[in-house]
N, C-alpha and C. Protein backbone atom coordinates (compact mmCIF):
# COMPACT_ATOMS: atom_id res chain seq x y z
N MET A 1 131.90 106.35 110.53
CA MET A 1 130.85 107.27 110.92
C MET A 1 130.38 106.89 112.32
N HIS A 2 130.13 107.88 113.15
CA HIS A 2 129.72 107.65 114.53
C HIS A 2 128.23 107.93 114.70
N TYR A 3 127.66 107.38 115.76
CA TYR A 3 126.28 107.67 116.10
C TYR A 3 126.19 109.03 116.77
N ALA A 4 125.23 109.84 116.35
CA ALA A 4 125.01 111.14 116.97
C ALA A 4 124.38 110.92 118.34
N GLN A 5 124.92 111.57 119.34
CA GLN A 5 124.36 111.45 120.68
C GLN A 5 123.12 112.35 120.84
N THR A 6 123.07 113.42 120.06
CA THR A 6 121.92 114.32 120.07
C THR A 6 121.08 113.99 118.86
N GLU A 7 119.88 113.56 119.09
CA GLU A 7 119.02 113.15 117.99
C GLU A 7 118.20 114.33 117.47
N PRO A 8 117.92 114.35 116.17
CA PRO A 8 117.05 115.39 115.64
C PRO A 8 115.62 115.17 116.14
N LYS A 9 114.83 116.19 116.08
CA LYS A 9 113.41 116.08 116.44
C LYS A 9 112.66 115.39 115.30
N ARG A 10 111.61 114.67 115.64
CA ARG A 10 110.81 113.97 114.63
C ARG A 10 110.26 114.97 113.60
N ALA A 11 109.84 116.14 114.03
CA ALA A 11 109.31 117.15 113.09
C ALA A 11 110.38 117.57 112.08
N GLU A 12 111.63 117.62 112.50
CA GLU A 12 112.73 117.97 111.58
C GLU A 12 112.90 116.88 110.52
N ILE A 13 112.83 115.63 110.94
CA ILE A 13 112.96 114.50 110.00
C ILE A 13 111.77 114.50 109.04
N ASP A 14 110.58 114.67 109.57
CA ASP A 14 109.37 114.67 108.74
C ASP A 14 109.39 115.77 107.69
N ALA A 15 110.07 116.88 107.97
CA ALA A 15 110.11 118.02 107.05
C ALA A 15 111.19 117.91 105.98
N LEU A 16 112.05 116.90 106.04
CA LEU A 16 113.14 116.77 105.07
C LEU A 16 112.60 116.41 103.69
N SER A 17 113.24 116.96 102.68
CA SER A 17 112.88 116.56 101.32
C SER A 17 113.97 115.64 100.78
N GLY A 18 113.57 114.79 99.84
CA GLY A 18 114.52 113.88 99.22
C GLY A 18 114.70 112.61 100.01
N PRO A 19 115.68 111.78 99.58
CA PRO A 19 115.91 110.49 100.22
C PRO A 19 116.74 110.62 101.50
N THR A 20 116.29 109.94 102.54
CA THR A 20 116.95 109.99 103.83
C THR A 20 116.86 108.62 104.49
N VAL A 21 117.90 108.25 105.22
CA VAL A 21 117.87 107.04 106.03
C VAL A 21 118.22 107.44 107.46
N VAL A 22 117.38 107.01 108.39
CA VAL A 22 117.68 107.19 109.81
C VAL A 22 118.05 105.81 110.34
N GLU A 23 119.27 105.69 110.83
CA GLU A 23 119.79 104.42 111.34
C GLU A 23 119.86 104.50 112.85
N PHE A 24 119.14 103.61 113.52
CA PHE A 24 119.13 103.57 114.97
C PHE A 24 120.02 102.42 115.43
N GLY A 25 120.85 102.70 116.41
CA GLY A 25 121.74 101.68 116.93
C GLY A 25 122.46 102.19 118.16
N SER A 26 123.55 101.54 118.47
CA SER A 26 124.36 101.92 119.62
C SER A 26 125.81 101.55 119.33
N PRO A 27 126.75 102.40 119.74
CA PRO A 27 128.16 102.05 119.53
C PRO A 27 128.58 100.82 120.33
N ASP A 28 127.81 100.45 121.34
CA ASP A 28 128.12 99.28 122.16
C ASP A 28 127.46 98.00 121.66
N CYS A 29 126.69 98.10 120.59
CA CYS A 29 125.92 96.97 120.06
C CYS A 29 126.79 96.15 119.09
N GLY A 30 127.03 94.89 119.45
CA GLY A 30 127.84 94.02 118.59
C GLY A 30 127.19 93.76 117.25
N ILE A 31 125.88 93.62 117.22
CA ILE A 31 125.17 93.39 115.95
C ILE A 31 125.29 94.63 115.07
N CYS A 32 125.24 95.83 115.67
CA CYS A 32 125.42 97.07 114.91
C CYS A 32 126.81 97.12 114.28
N ARG A 33 127.81 96.77 115.05
CA ARG A 33 129.19 96.77 114.52
C ARG A 33 129.35 95.75 113.41
N ALA A 34 128.71 94.59 113.55
CA ALA A 34 128.80 93.56 112.51
C ALA A 34 128.08 93.97 111.24
N ALA A 35 126.99 94.72 111.37
CA ALA A 35 126.21 95.16 110.20
C ALA A 35 126.84 96.36 109.50
N GLU A 36 127.69 97.10 110.18
CA GLU A 36 128.23 98.35 109.62
C GLU A 36 128.91 98.17 108.25
N PRO A 37 129.76 97.16 108.03
CA PRO A 37 130.37 97.02 106.70
C PRO A 37 129.34 96.81 105.60
N HIS A 38 128.27 96.07 105.89
CA HIS A 38 127.21 95.84 104.90
C HIS A 38 126.47 97.14 104.58
N ILE A 39 126.17 97.90 105.62
CA ILE A 39 125.46 99.17 105.44
C ILE A 39 126.32 100.15 104.66
N THR A 40 127.58 100.26 105.02
CA THR A 40 128.50 101.17 104.34
C THR A 40 128.67 100.78 102.88
N ALA A 41 128.78 99.50 102.60
CA ALA A 41 128.91 99.03 101.21
C ALA A 41 127.68 99.41 100.39
N ALA A 42 126.51 99.27 100.97
CA ALA A 42 125.28 99.61 100.25
C ALA A 42 125.20 101.10 99.96
N PHE A 43 125.63 101.93 100.89
CA PHE A 43 125.58 103.38 100.70
C PHE A 43 126.59 103.88 99.68
N ALA A 44 127.62 103.10 99.36
CA ALA A 44 128.66 103.55 98.44
C ALA A 44 128.10 103.96 97.08
N ASP A 45 127.03 103.32 96.63
CA ASP A 45 126.44 103.64 95.33
C ASP A 45 125.33 104.68 95.42
N HIS A 46 125.13 105.25 96.60
CA HIS A 46 124.02 106.20 96.80
C HIS A 46 124.50 107.43 97.58
N PRO A 47 125.45 108.19 97.00
CA PRO A 47 125.98 109.35 97.74
C PRO A 47 124.96 110.47 97.96
N ALA A 48 123.87 110.48 97.20
CA ALA A 48 122.87 111.54 97.35
C ALA A 48 121.90 111.29 98.51
N VAL A 49 121.97 110.11 99.10
CA VAL A 49 121.04 109.78 100.19
C VAL A 49 121.61 110.29 101.52
N ARG A 50 120.82 111.09 102.20
CA ARG A 50 121.19 111.62 103.50
C ARG A 50 121.08 110.49 104.53
N ARG A 51 122.07 110.42 105.43
CA ARG A 51 122.09 109.34 106.44
C ARG A 51 122.31 109.94 107.82
N PHE A 52 121.39 109.63 108.72
CA PHE A 52 121.52 110.01 110.12
C PHE A 52 121.73 108.73 110.93
N ARG A 53 122.78 108.70 111.70
CA ARG A 53 123.01 107.57 112.62
C ARG A 53 122.74 108.08 114.02
N VAL A 54 121.73 107.53 114.66
CA VAL A 54 121.27 108.01 115.95
C VAL A 54 121.51 106.95 117.02
N ALA A 55 122.20 107.35 118.09
CA ALA A 55 122.39 106.47 119.24
C ALA A 55 121.04 106.36 119.94
N ASP A 56 120.47 105.18 119.91
CA ASP A 56 119.15 104.95 120.46
C ASP A 56 119.27 104.35 121.84
N GLY A 57 118.22 104.41 122.58
CA GLY A 57 118.19 103.81 123.91
C GLY A 57 116.78 103.89 124.48
N SER A 58 116.60 103.26 125.58
CA SER A 58 115.30 103.23 126.22
C SER A 58 114.81 104.65 126.50
N GLY A 59 113.60 104.93 126.06
CA GLY A 59 113.00 106.23 126.31
C GLY A 59 113.43 107.34 125.38
N ARG A 60 114.30 107.05 124.41
CA ARG A 60 114.70 108.11 123.47
C ARG A 60 113.54 108.37 122.52
N PRO A 61 113.10 109.63 122.40
CA PRO A 61 111.86 109.92 121.67
C PRO A 61 111.87 109.60 120.19
N LEU A 62 112.96 109.81 119.49
CA LEU A 62 112.94 109.57 118.05
C LEU A 62 112.77 108.09 117.75
N GLY A 63 113.54 107.24 118.40
CA GLY A 63 113.40 105.80 118.21
C GLY A 63 112.02 105.30 118.60
N ARG A 64 111.49 105.82 119.68
CA ARG A 64 110.15 105.42 120.09
C ARG A 64 109.11 105.84 119.06
N SER A 65 109.30 107.02 118.45
CA SER A 65 108.31 107.50 117.47
C SER A 65 108.27 106.60 116.23
N TYR A 66 109.38 105.90 115.95
CA TYR A 66 109.43 104.96 114.82
C TYR A 66 109.22 103.51 115.29
N ARG A 67 108.94 103.33 116.56
CA ARG A 67 108.70 102.01 117.15
C ARG A 67 109.88 101.05 116.93
N VAL A 68 111.08 101.56 117.14
CA VAL A 68 112.29 100.75 117.00
C VAL A 68 112.36 99.77 118.17
N LYS A 69 112.56 98.51 117.84
CA LYS A 69 112.64 97.45 118.85
C LYS A 69 114.02 96.80 118.89
N LEU A 70 114.68 96.69 117.73
CA LEU A 70 115.98 96.02 117.63
C LEU A 70 116.99 96.93 116.93
N TRP A 71 118.25 96.73 117.25
CA TRP A 71 119.32 97.48 116.60
C TRP A 71 120.12 96.57 115.70
N PRO A 72 120.69 97.05 114.64
CA PRO A 72 120.35 98.32 114.03
C PRO A 72 119.03 98.23 113.27
N THR A 73 118.32 99.33 113.27
CA THR A 73 117.12 99.48 112.45
C THR A 73 117.36 100.67 111.54
N LEU A 74 117.18 100.46 110.24
CA LEU A 74 117.30 101.53 109.25
C LEU A 74 115.92 101.86 108.73
N VAL A 75 115.54 103.13 108.85
CA VAL A 75 114.24 103.60 108.37
C VAL A 75 114.51 104.42 107.11
N PHE A 76 113.92 104.00 106.00
CA PHE A 76 114.13 104.64 104.69
C PHE A 76 112.97 105.60 104.42
N LEU A 77 113.33 106.85 104.17
CA LEU A 77 112.34 107.91 104.00
C LEU A 77 112.47 108.57 102.64
N ARG A 78 111.35 108.95 102.09
CA ARG A 78 111.34 109.81 100.91
C ARG A 78 110.44 111.00 101.26
N ASP A 79 111.03 112.18 101.23
CA ASP A 79 110.32 113.42 101.59
C ASP A 79 109.67 113.31 102.97
N GLY A 80 110.41 112.76 103.93
CA GLY A 80 109.96 112.69 105.31
C GLY A 80 108.99 111.57 105.63
N LYS A 81 108.61 110.78 104.65
CA LYS A 81 107.65 109.68 104.86
C LYS A 81 108.37 108.34 104.78
N GLU A 82 108.08 107.46 105.73
CA GLU A 82 108.69 106.14 105.73
C GLU A 82 108.17 105.31 104.57
N VAL A 83 109.11 104.75 103.79
CA VAL A 83 108.74 103.89 102.67
C VAL A 83 109.35 102.49 102.78
N GLY A 84 110.22 102.30 103.76
CA GLY A 84 110.84 101.00 103.94
C GLY A 84 111.61 100.94 105.24
N ARG A 85 111.98 99.71 105.60
CA ARG A 85 112.70 99.50 106.86
C ARG A 85 113.50 98.21 106.73
N VAL A 86 114.71 98.22 107.26
CA VAL A 86 115.54 97.03 107.34
C VAL A 86 116.03 96.92 108.78
N VAL A 87 115.84 95.74 109.35
CA VAL A 87 116.25 95.49 110.73
C VAL A 87 117.33 94.42 110.72
N ARG A 88 118.44 94.73 111.35
CA ARG A 88 119.58 93.81 111.50
C ARG A 88 120.01 93.17 110.18
N PRO A 89 120.46 93.97 109.23
CA PRO A 89 120.88 93.39 107.95
C PRO A 89 122.10 92.50 108.11
N ALA A 90 122.01 91.31 107.52
CA ALA A 90 123.13 90.35 107.56
C ALA A 90 123.96 90.42 106.28
N SER A 91 123.50 91.24 105.32
CA SER A 91 124.24 91.46 104.08
C SER A 91 123.87 92.86 103.57
N ALA A 92 124.56 93.30 102.54
CA ALA A 92 124.28 94.62 101.97
C ALA A 92 123.03 94.63 101.11
N GLU A 93 122.59 93.47 100.62
CA GLU A 93 121.51 93.42 99.63
C GLU A 93 120.19 94.04 100.09
N PRO A 94 119.66 93.74 101.27
CA PRO A 94 118.39 94.37 101.64
C PRO A 94 118.51 95.89 101.77
N VAL A 95 119.67 96.36 102.20
CA VAL A 95 119.89 97.81 102.31
C VAL A 95 119.96 98.42 100.91
N ARG A 96 120.65 97.75 99.99
CA ARG A 96 120.72 98.23 98.60
C ARG A 96 119.33 98.32 97.97
N GLN A 97 118.50 97.32 98.21
CA GLN A 97 117.16 97.31 97.63
C GLN A 97 116.34 98.49 98.11
N GLU A 98 116.40 98.77 99.41
CA GLU A 98 115.64 99.91 99.95
C GLU A 98 116.23 101.24 99.49
N LEU A 99 117.55 101.33 99.41
CA LEU A 99 118.17 102.56 98.91
C LEU A 99 117.74 102.83 97.47
N ALA A 100 117.67 101.80 96.65
CA ALA A 100 117.24 101.95 95.25
C ALA A 100 115.81 102.48 95.17
N ARG A 101 114.98 102.12 96.13
CA ARG A 101 113.59 102.58 96.13
C ARG A 101 113.47 104.07 96.41
N ILE A 102 114.37 104.62 97.25
CA ILE A 102 114.24 106.02 97.63
C ILE A 102 115.16 106.96 96.88
N ASP A 103 116.21 106.45 96.25
CA ASP A 103 117.22 107.29 95.60
C ASP A 103 116.84 107.59 94.15
N THR A 104 116.16 108.69 93.96
CA THR A 104 115.73 109.06 92.61
C THR A 104 116.91 109.52 91.75
N ALA A 105 118.00 109.97 92.37
CA ALA A 105 119.18 110.40 91.61
C ALA A 105 119.86 109.23 90.92
N ALA A 106 119.71 108.03 91.48
CA ALA A 106 120.38 106.86 90.93
C ALA A 106 119.59 106.22 89.77
N ARG A 107 118.40 106.72 89.52
CA ARG A 107 117.54 106.13 88.47
C ARG A 107 117.89 106.64 87.11
């Protein structure tokens, strides 16, 4: 999966219903590339969760609206509201835990 170069508007994200994860990173980020297998493994058990991968950078409005400081940052949303966040996951477990919190289909 690639990072979208065009980011959605914050109002569009806020209006989404159901479980969603917005992942901020960069294709040039070594830490993002290292975390990708862990993130992908965690998502394998949660096919109902919508995932947006956004190429972030200085001055990009969506990342700034979530106060993203480090990549990758995963923001976990339920019905457009932030309920969790994982920054620079070194394993799949923290991502799995947050996915379980928002994925009502998996319950």
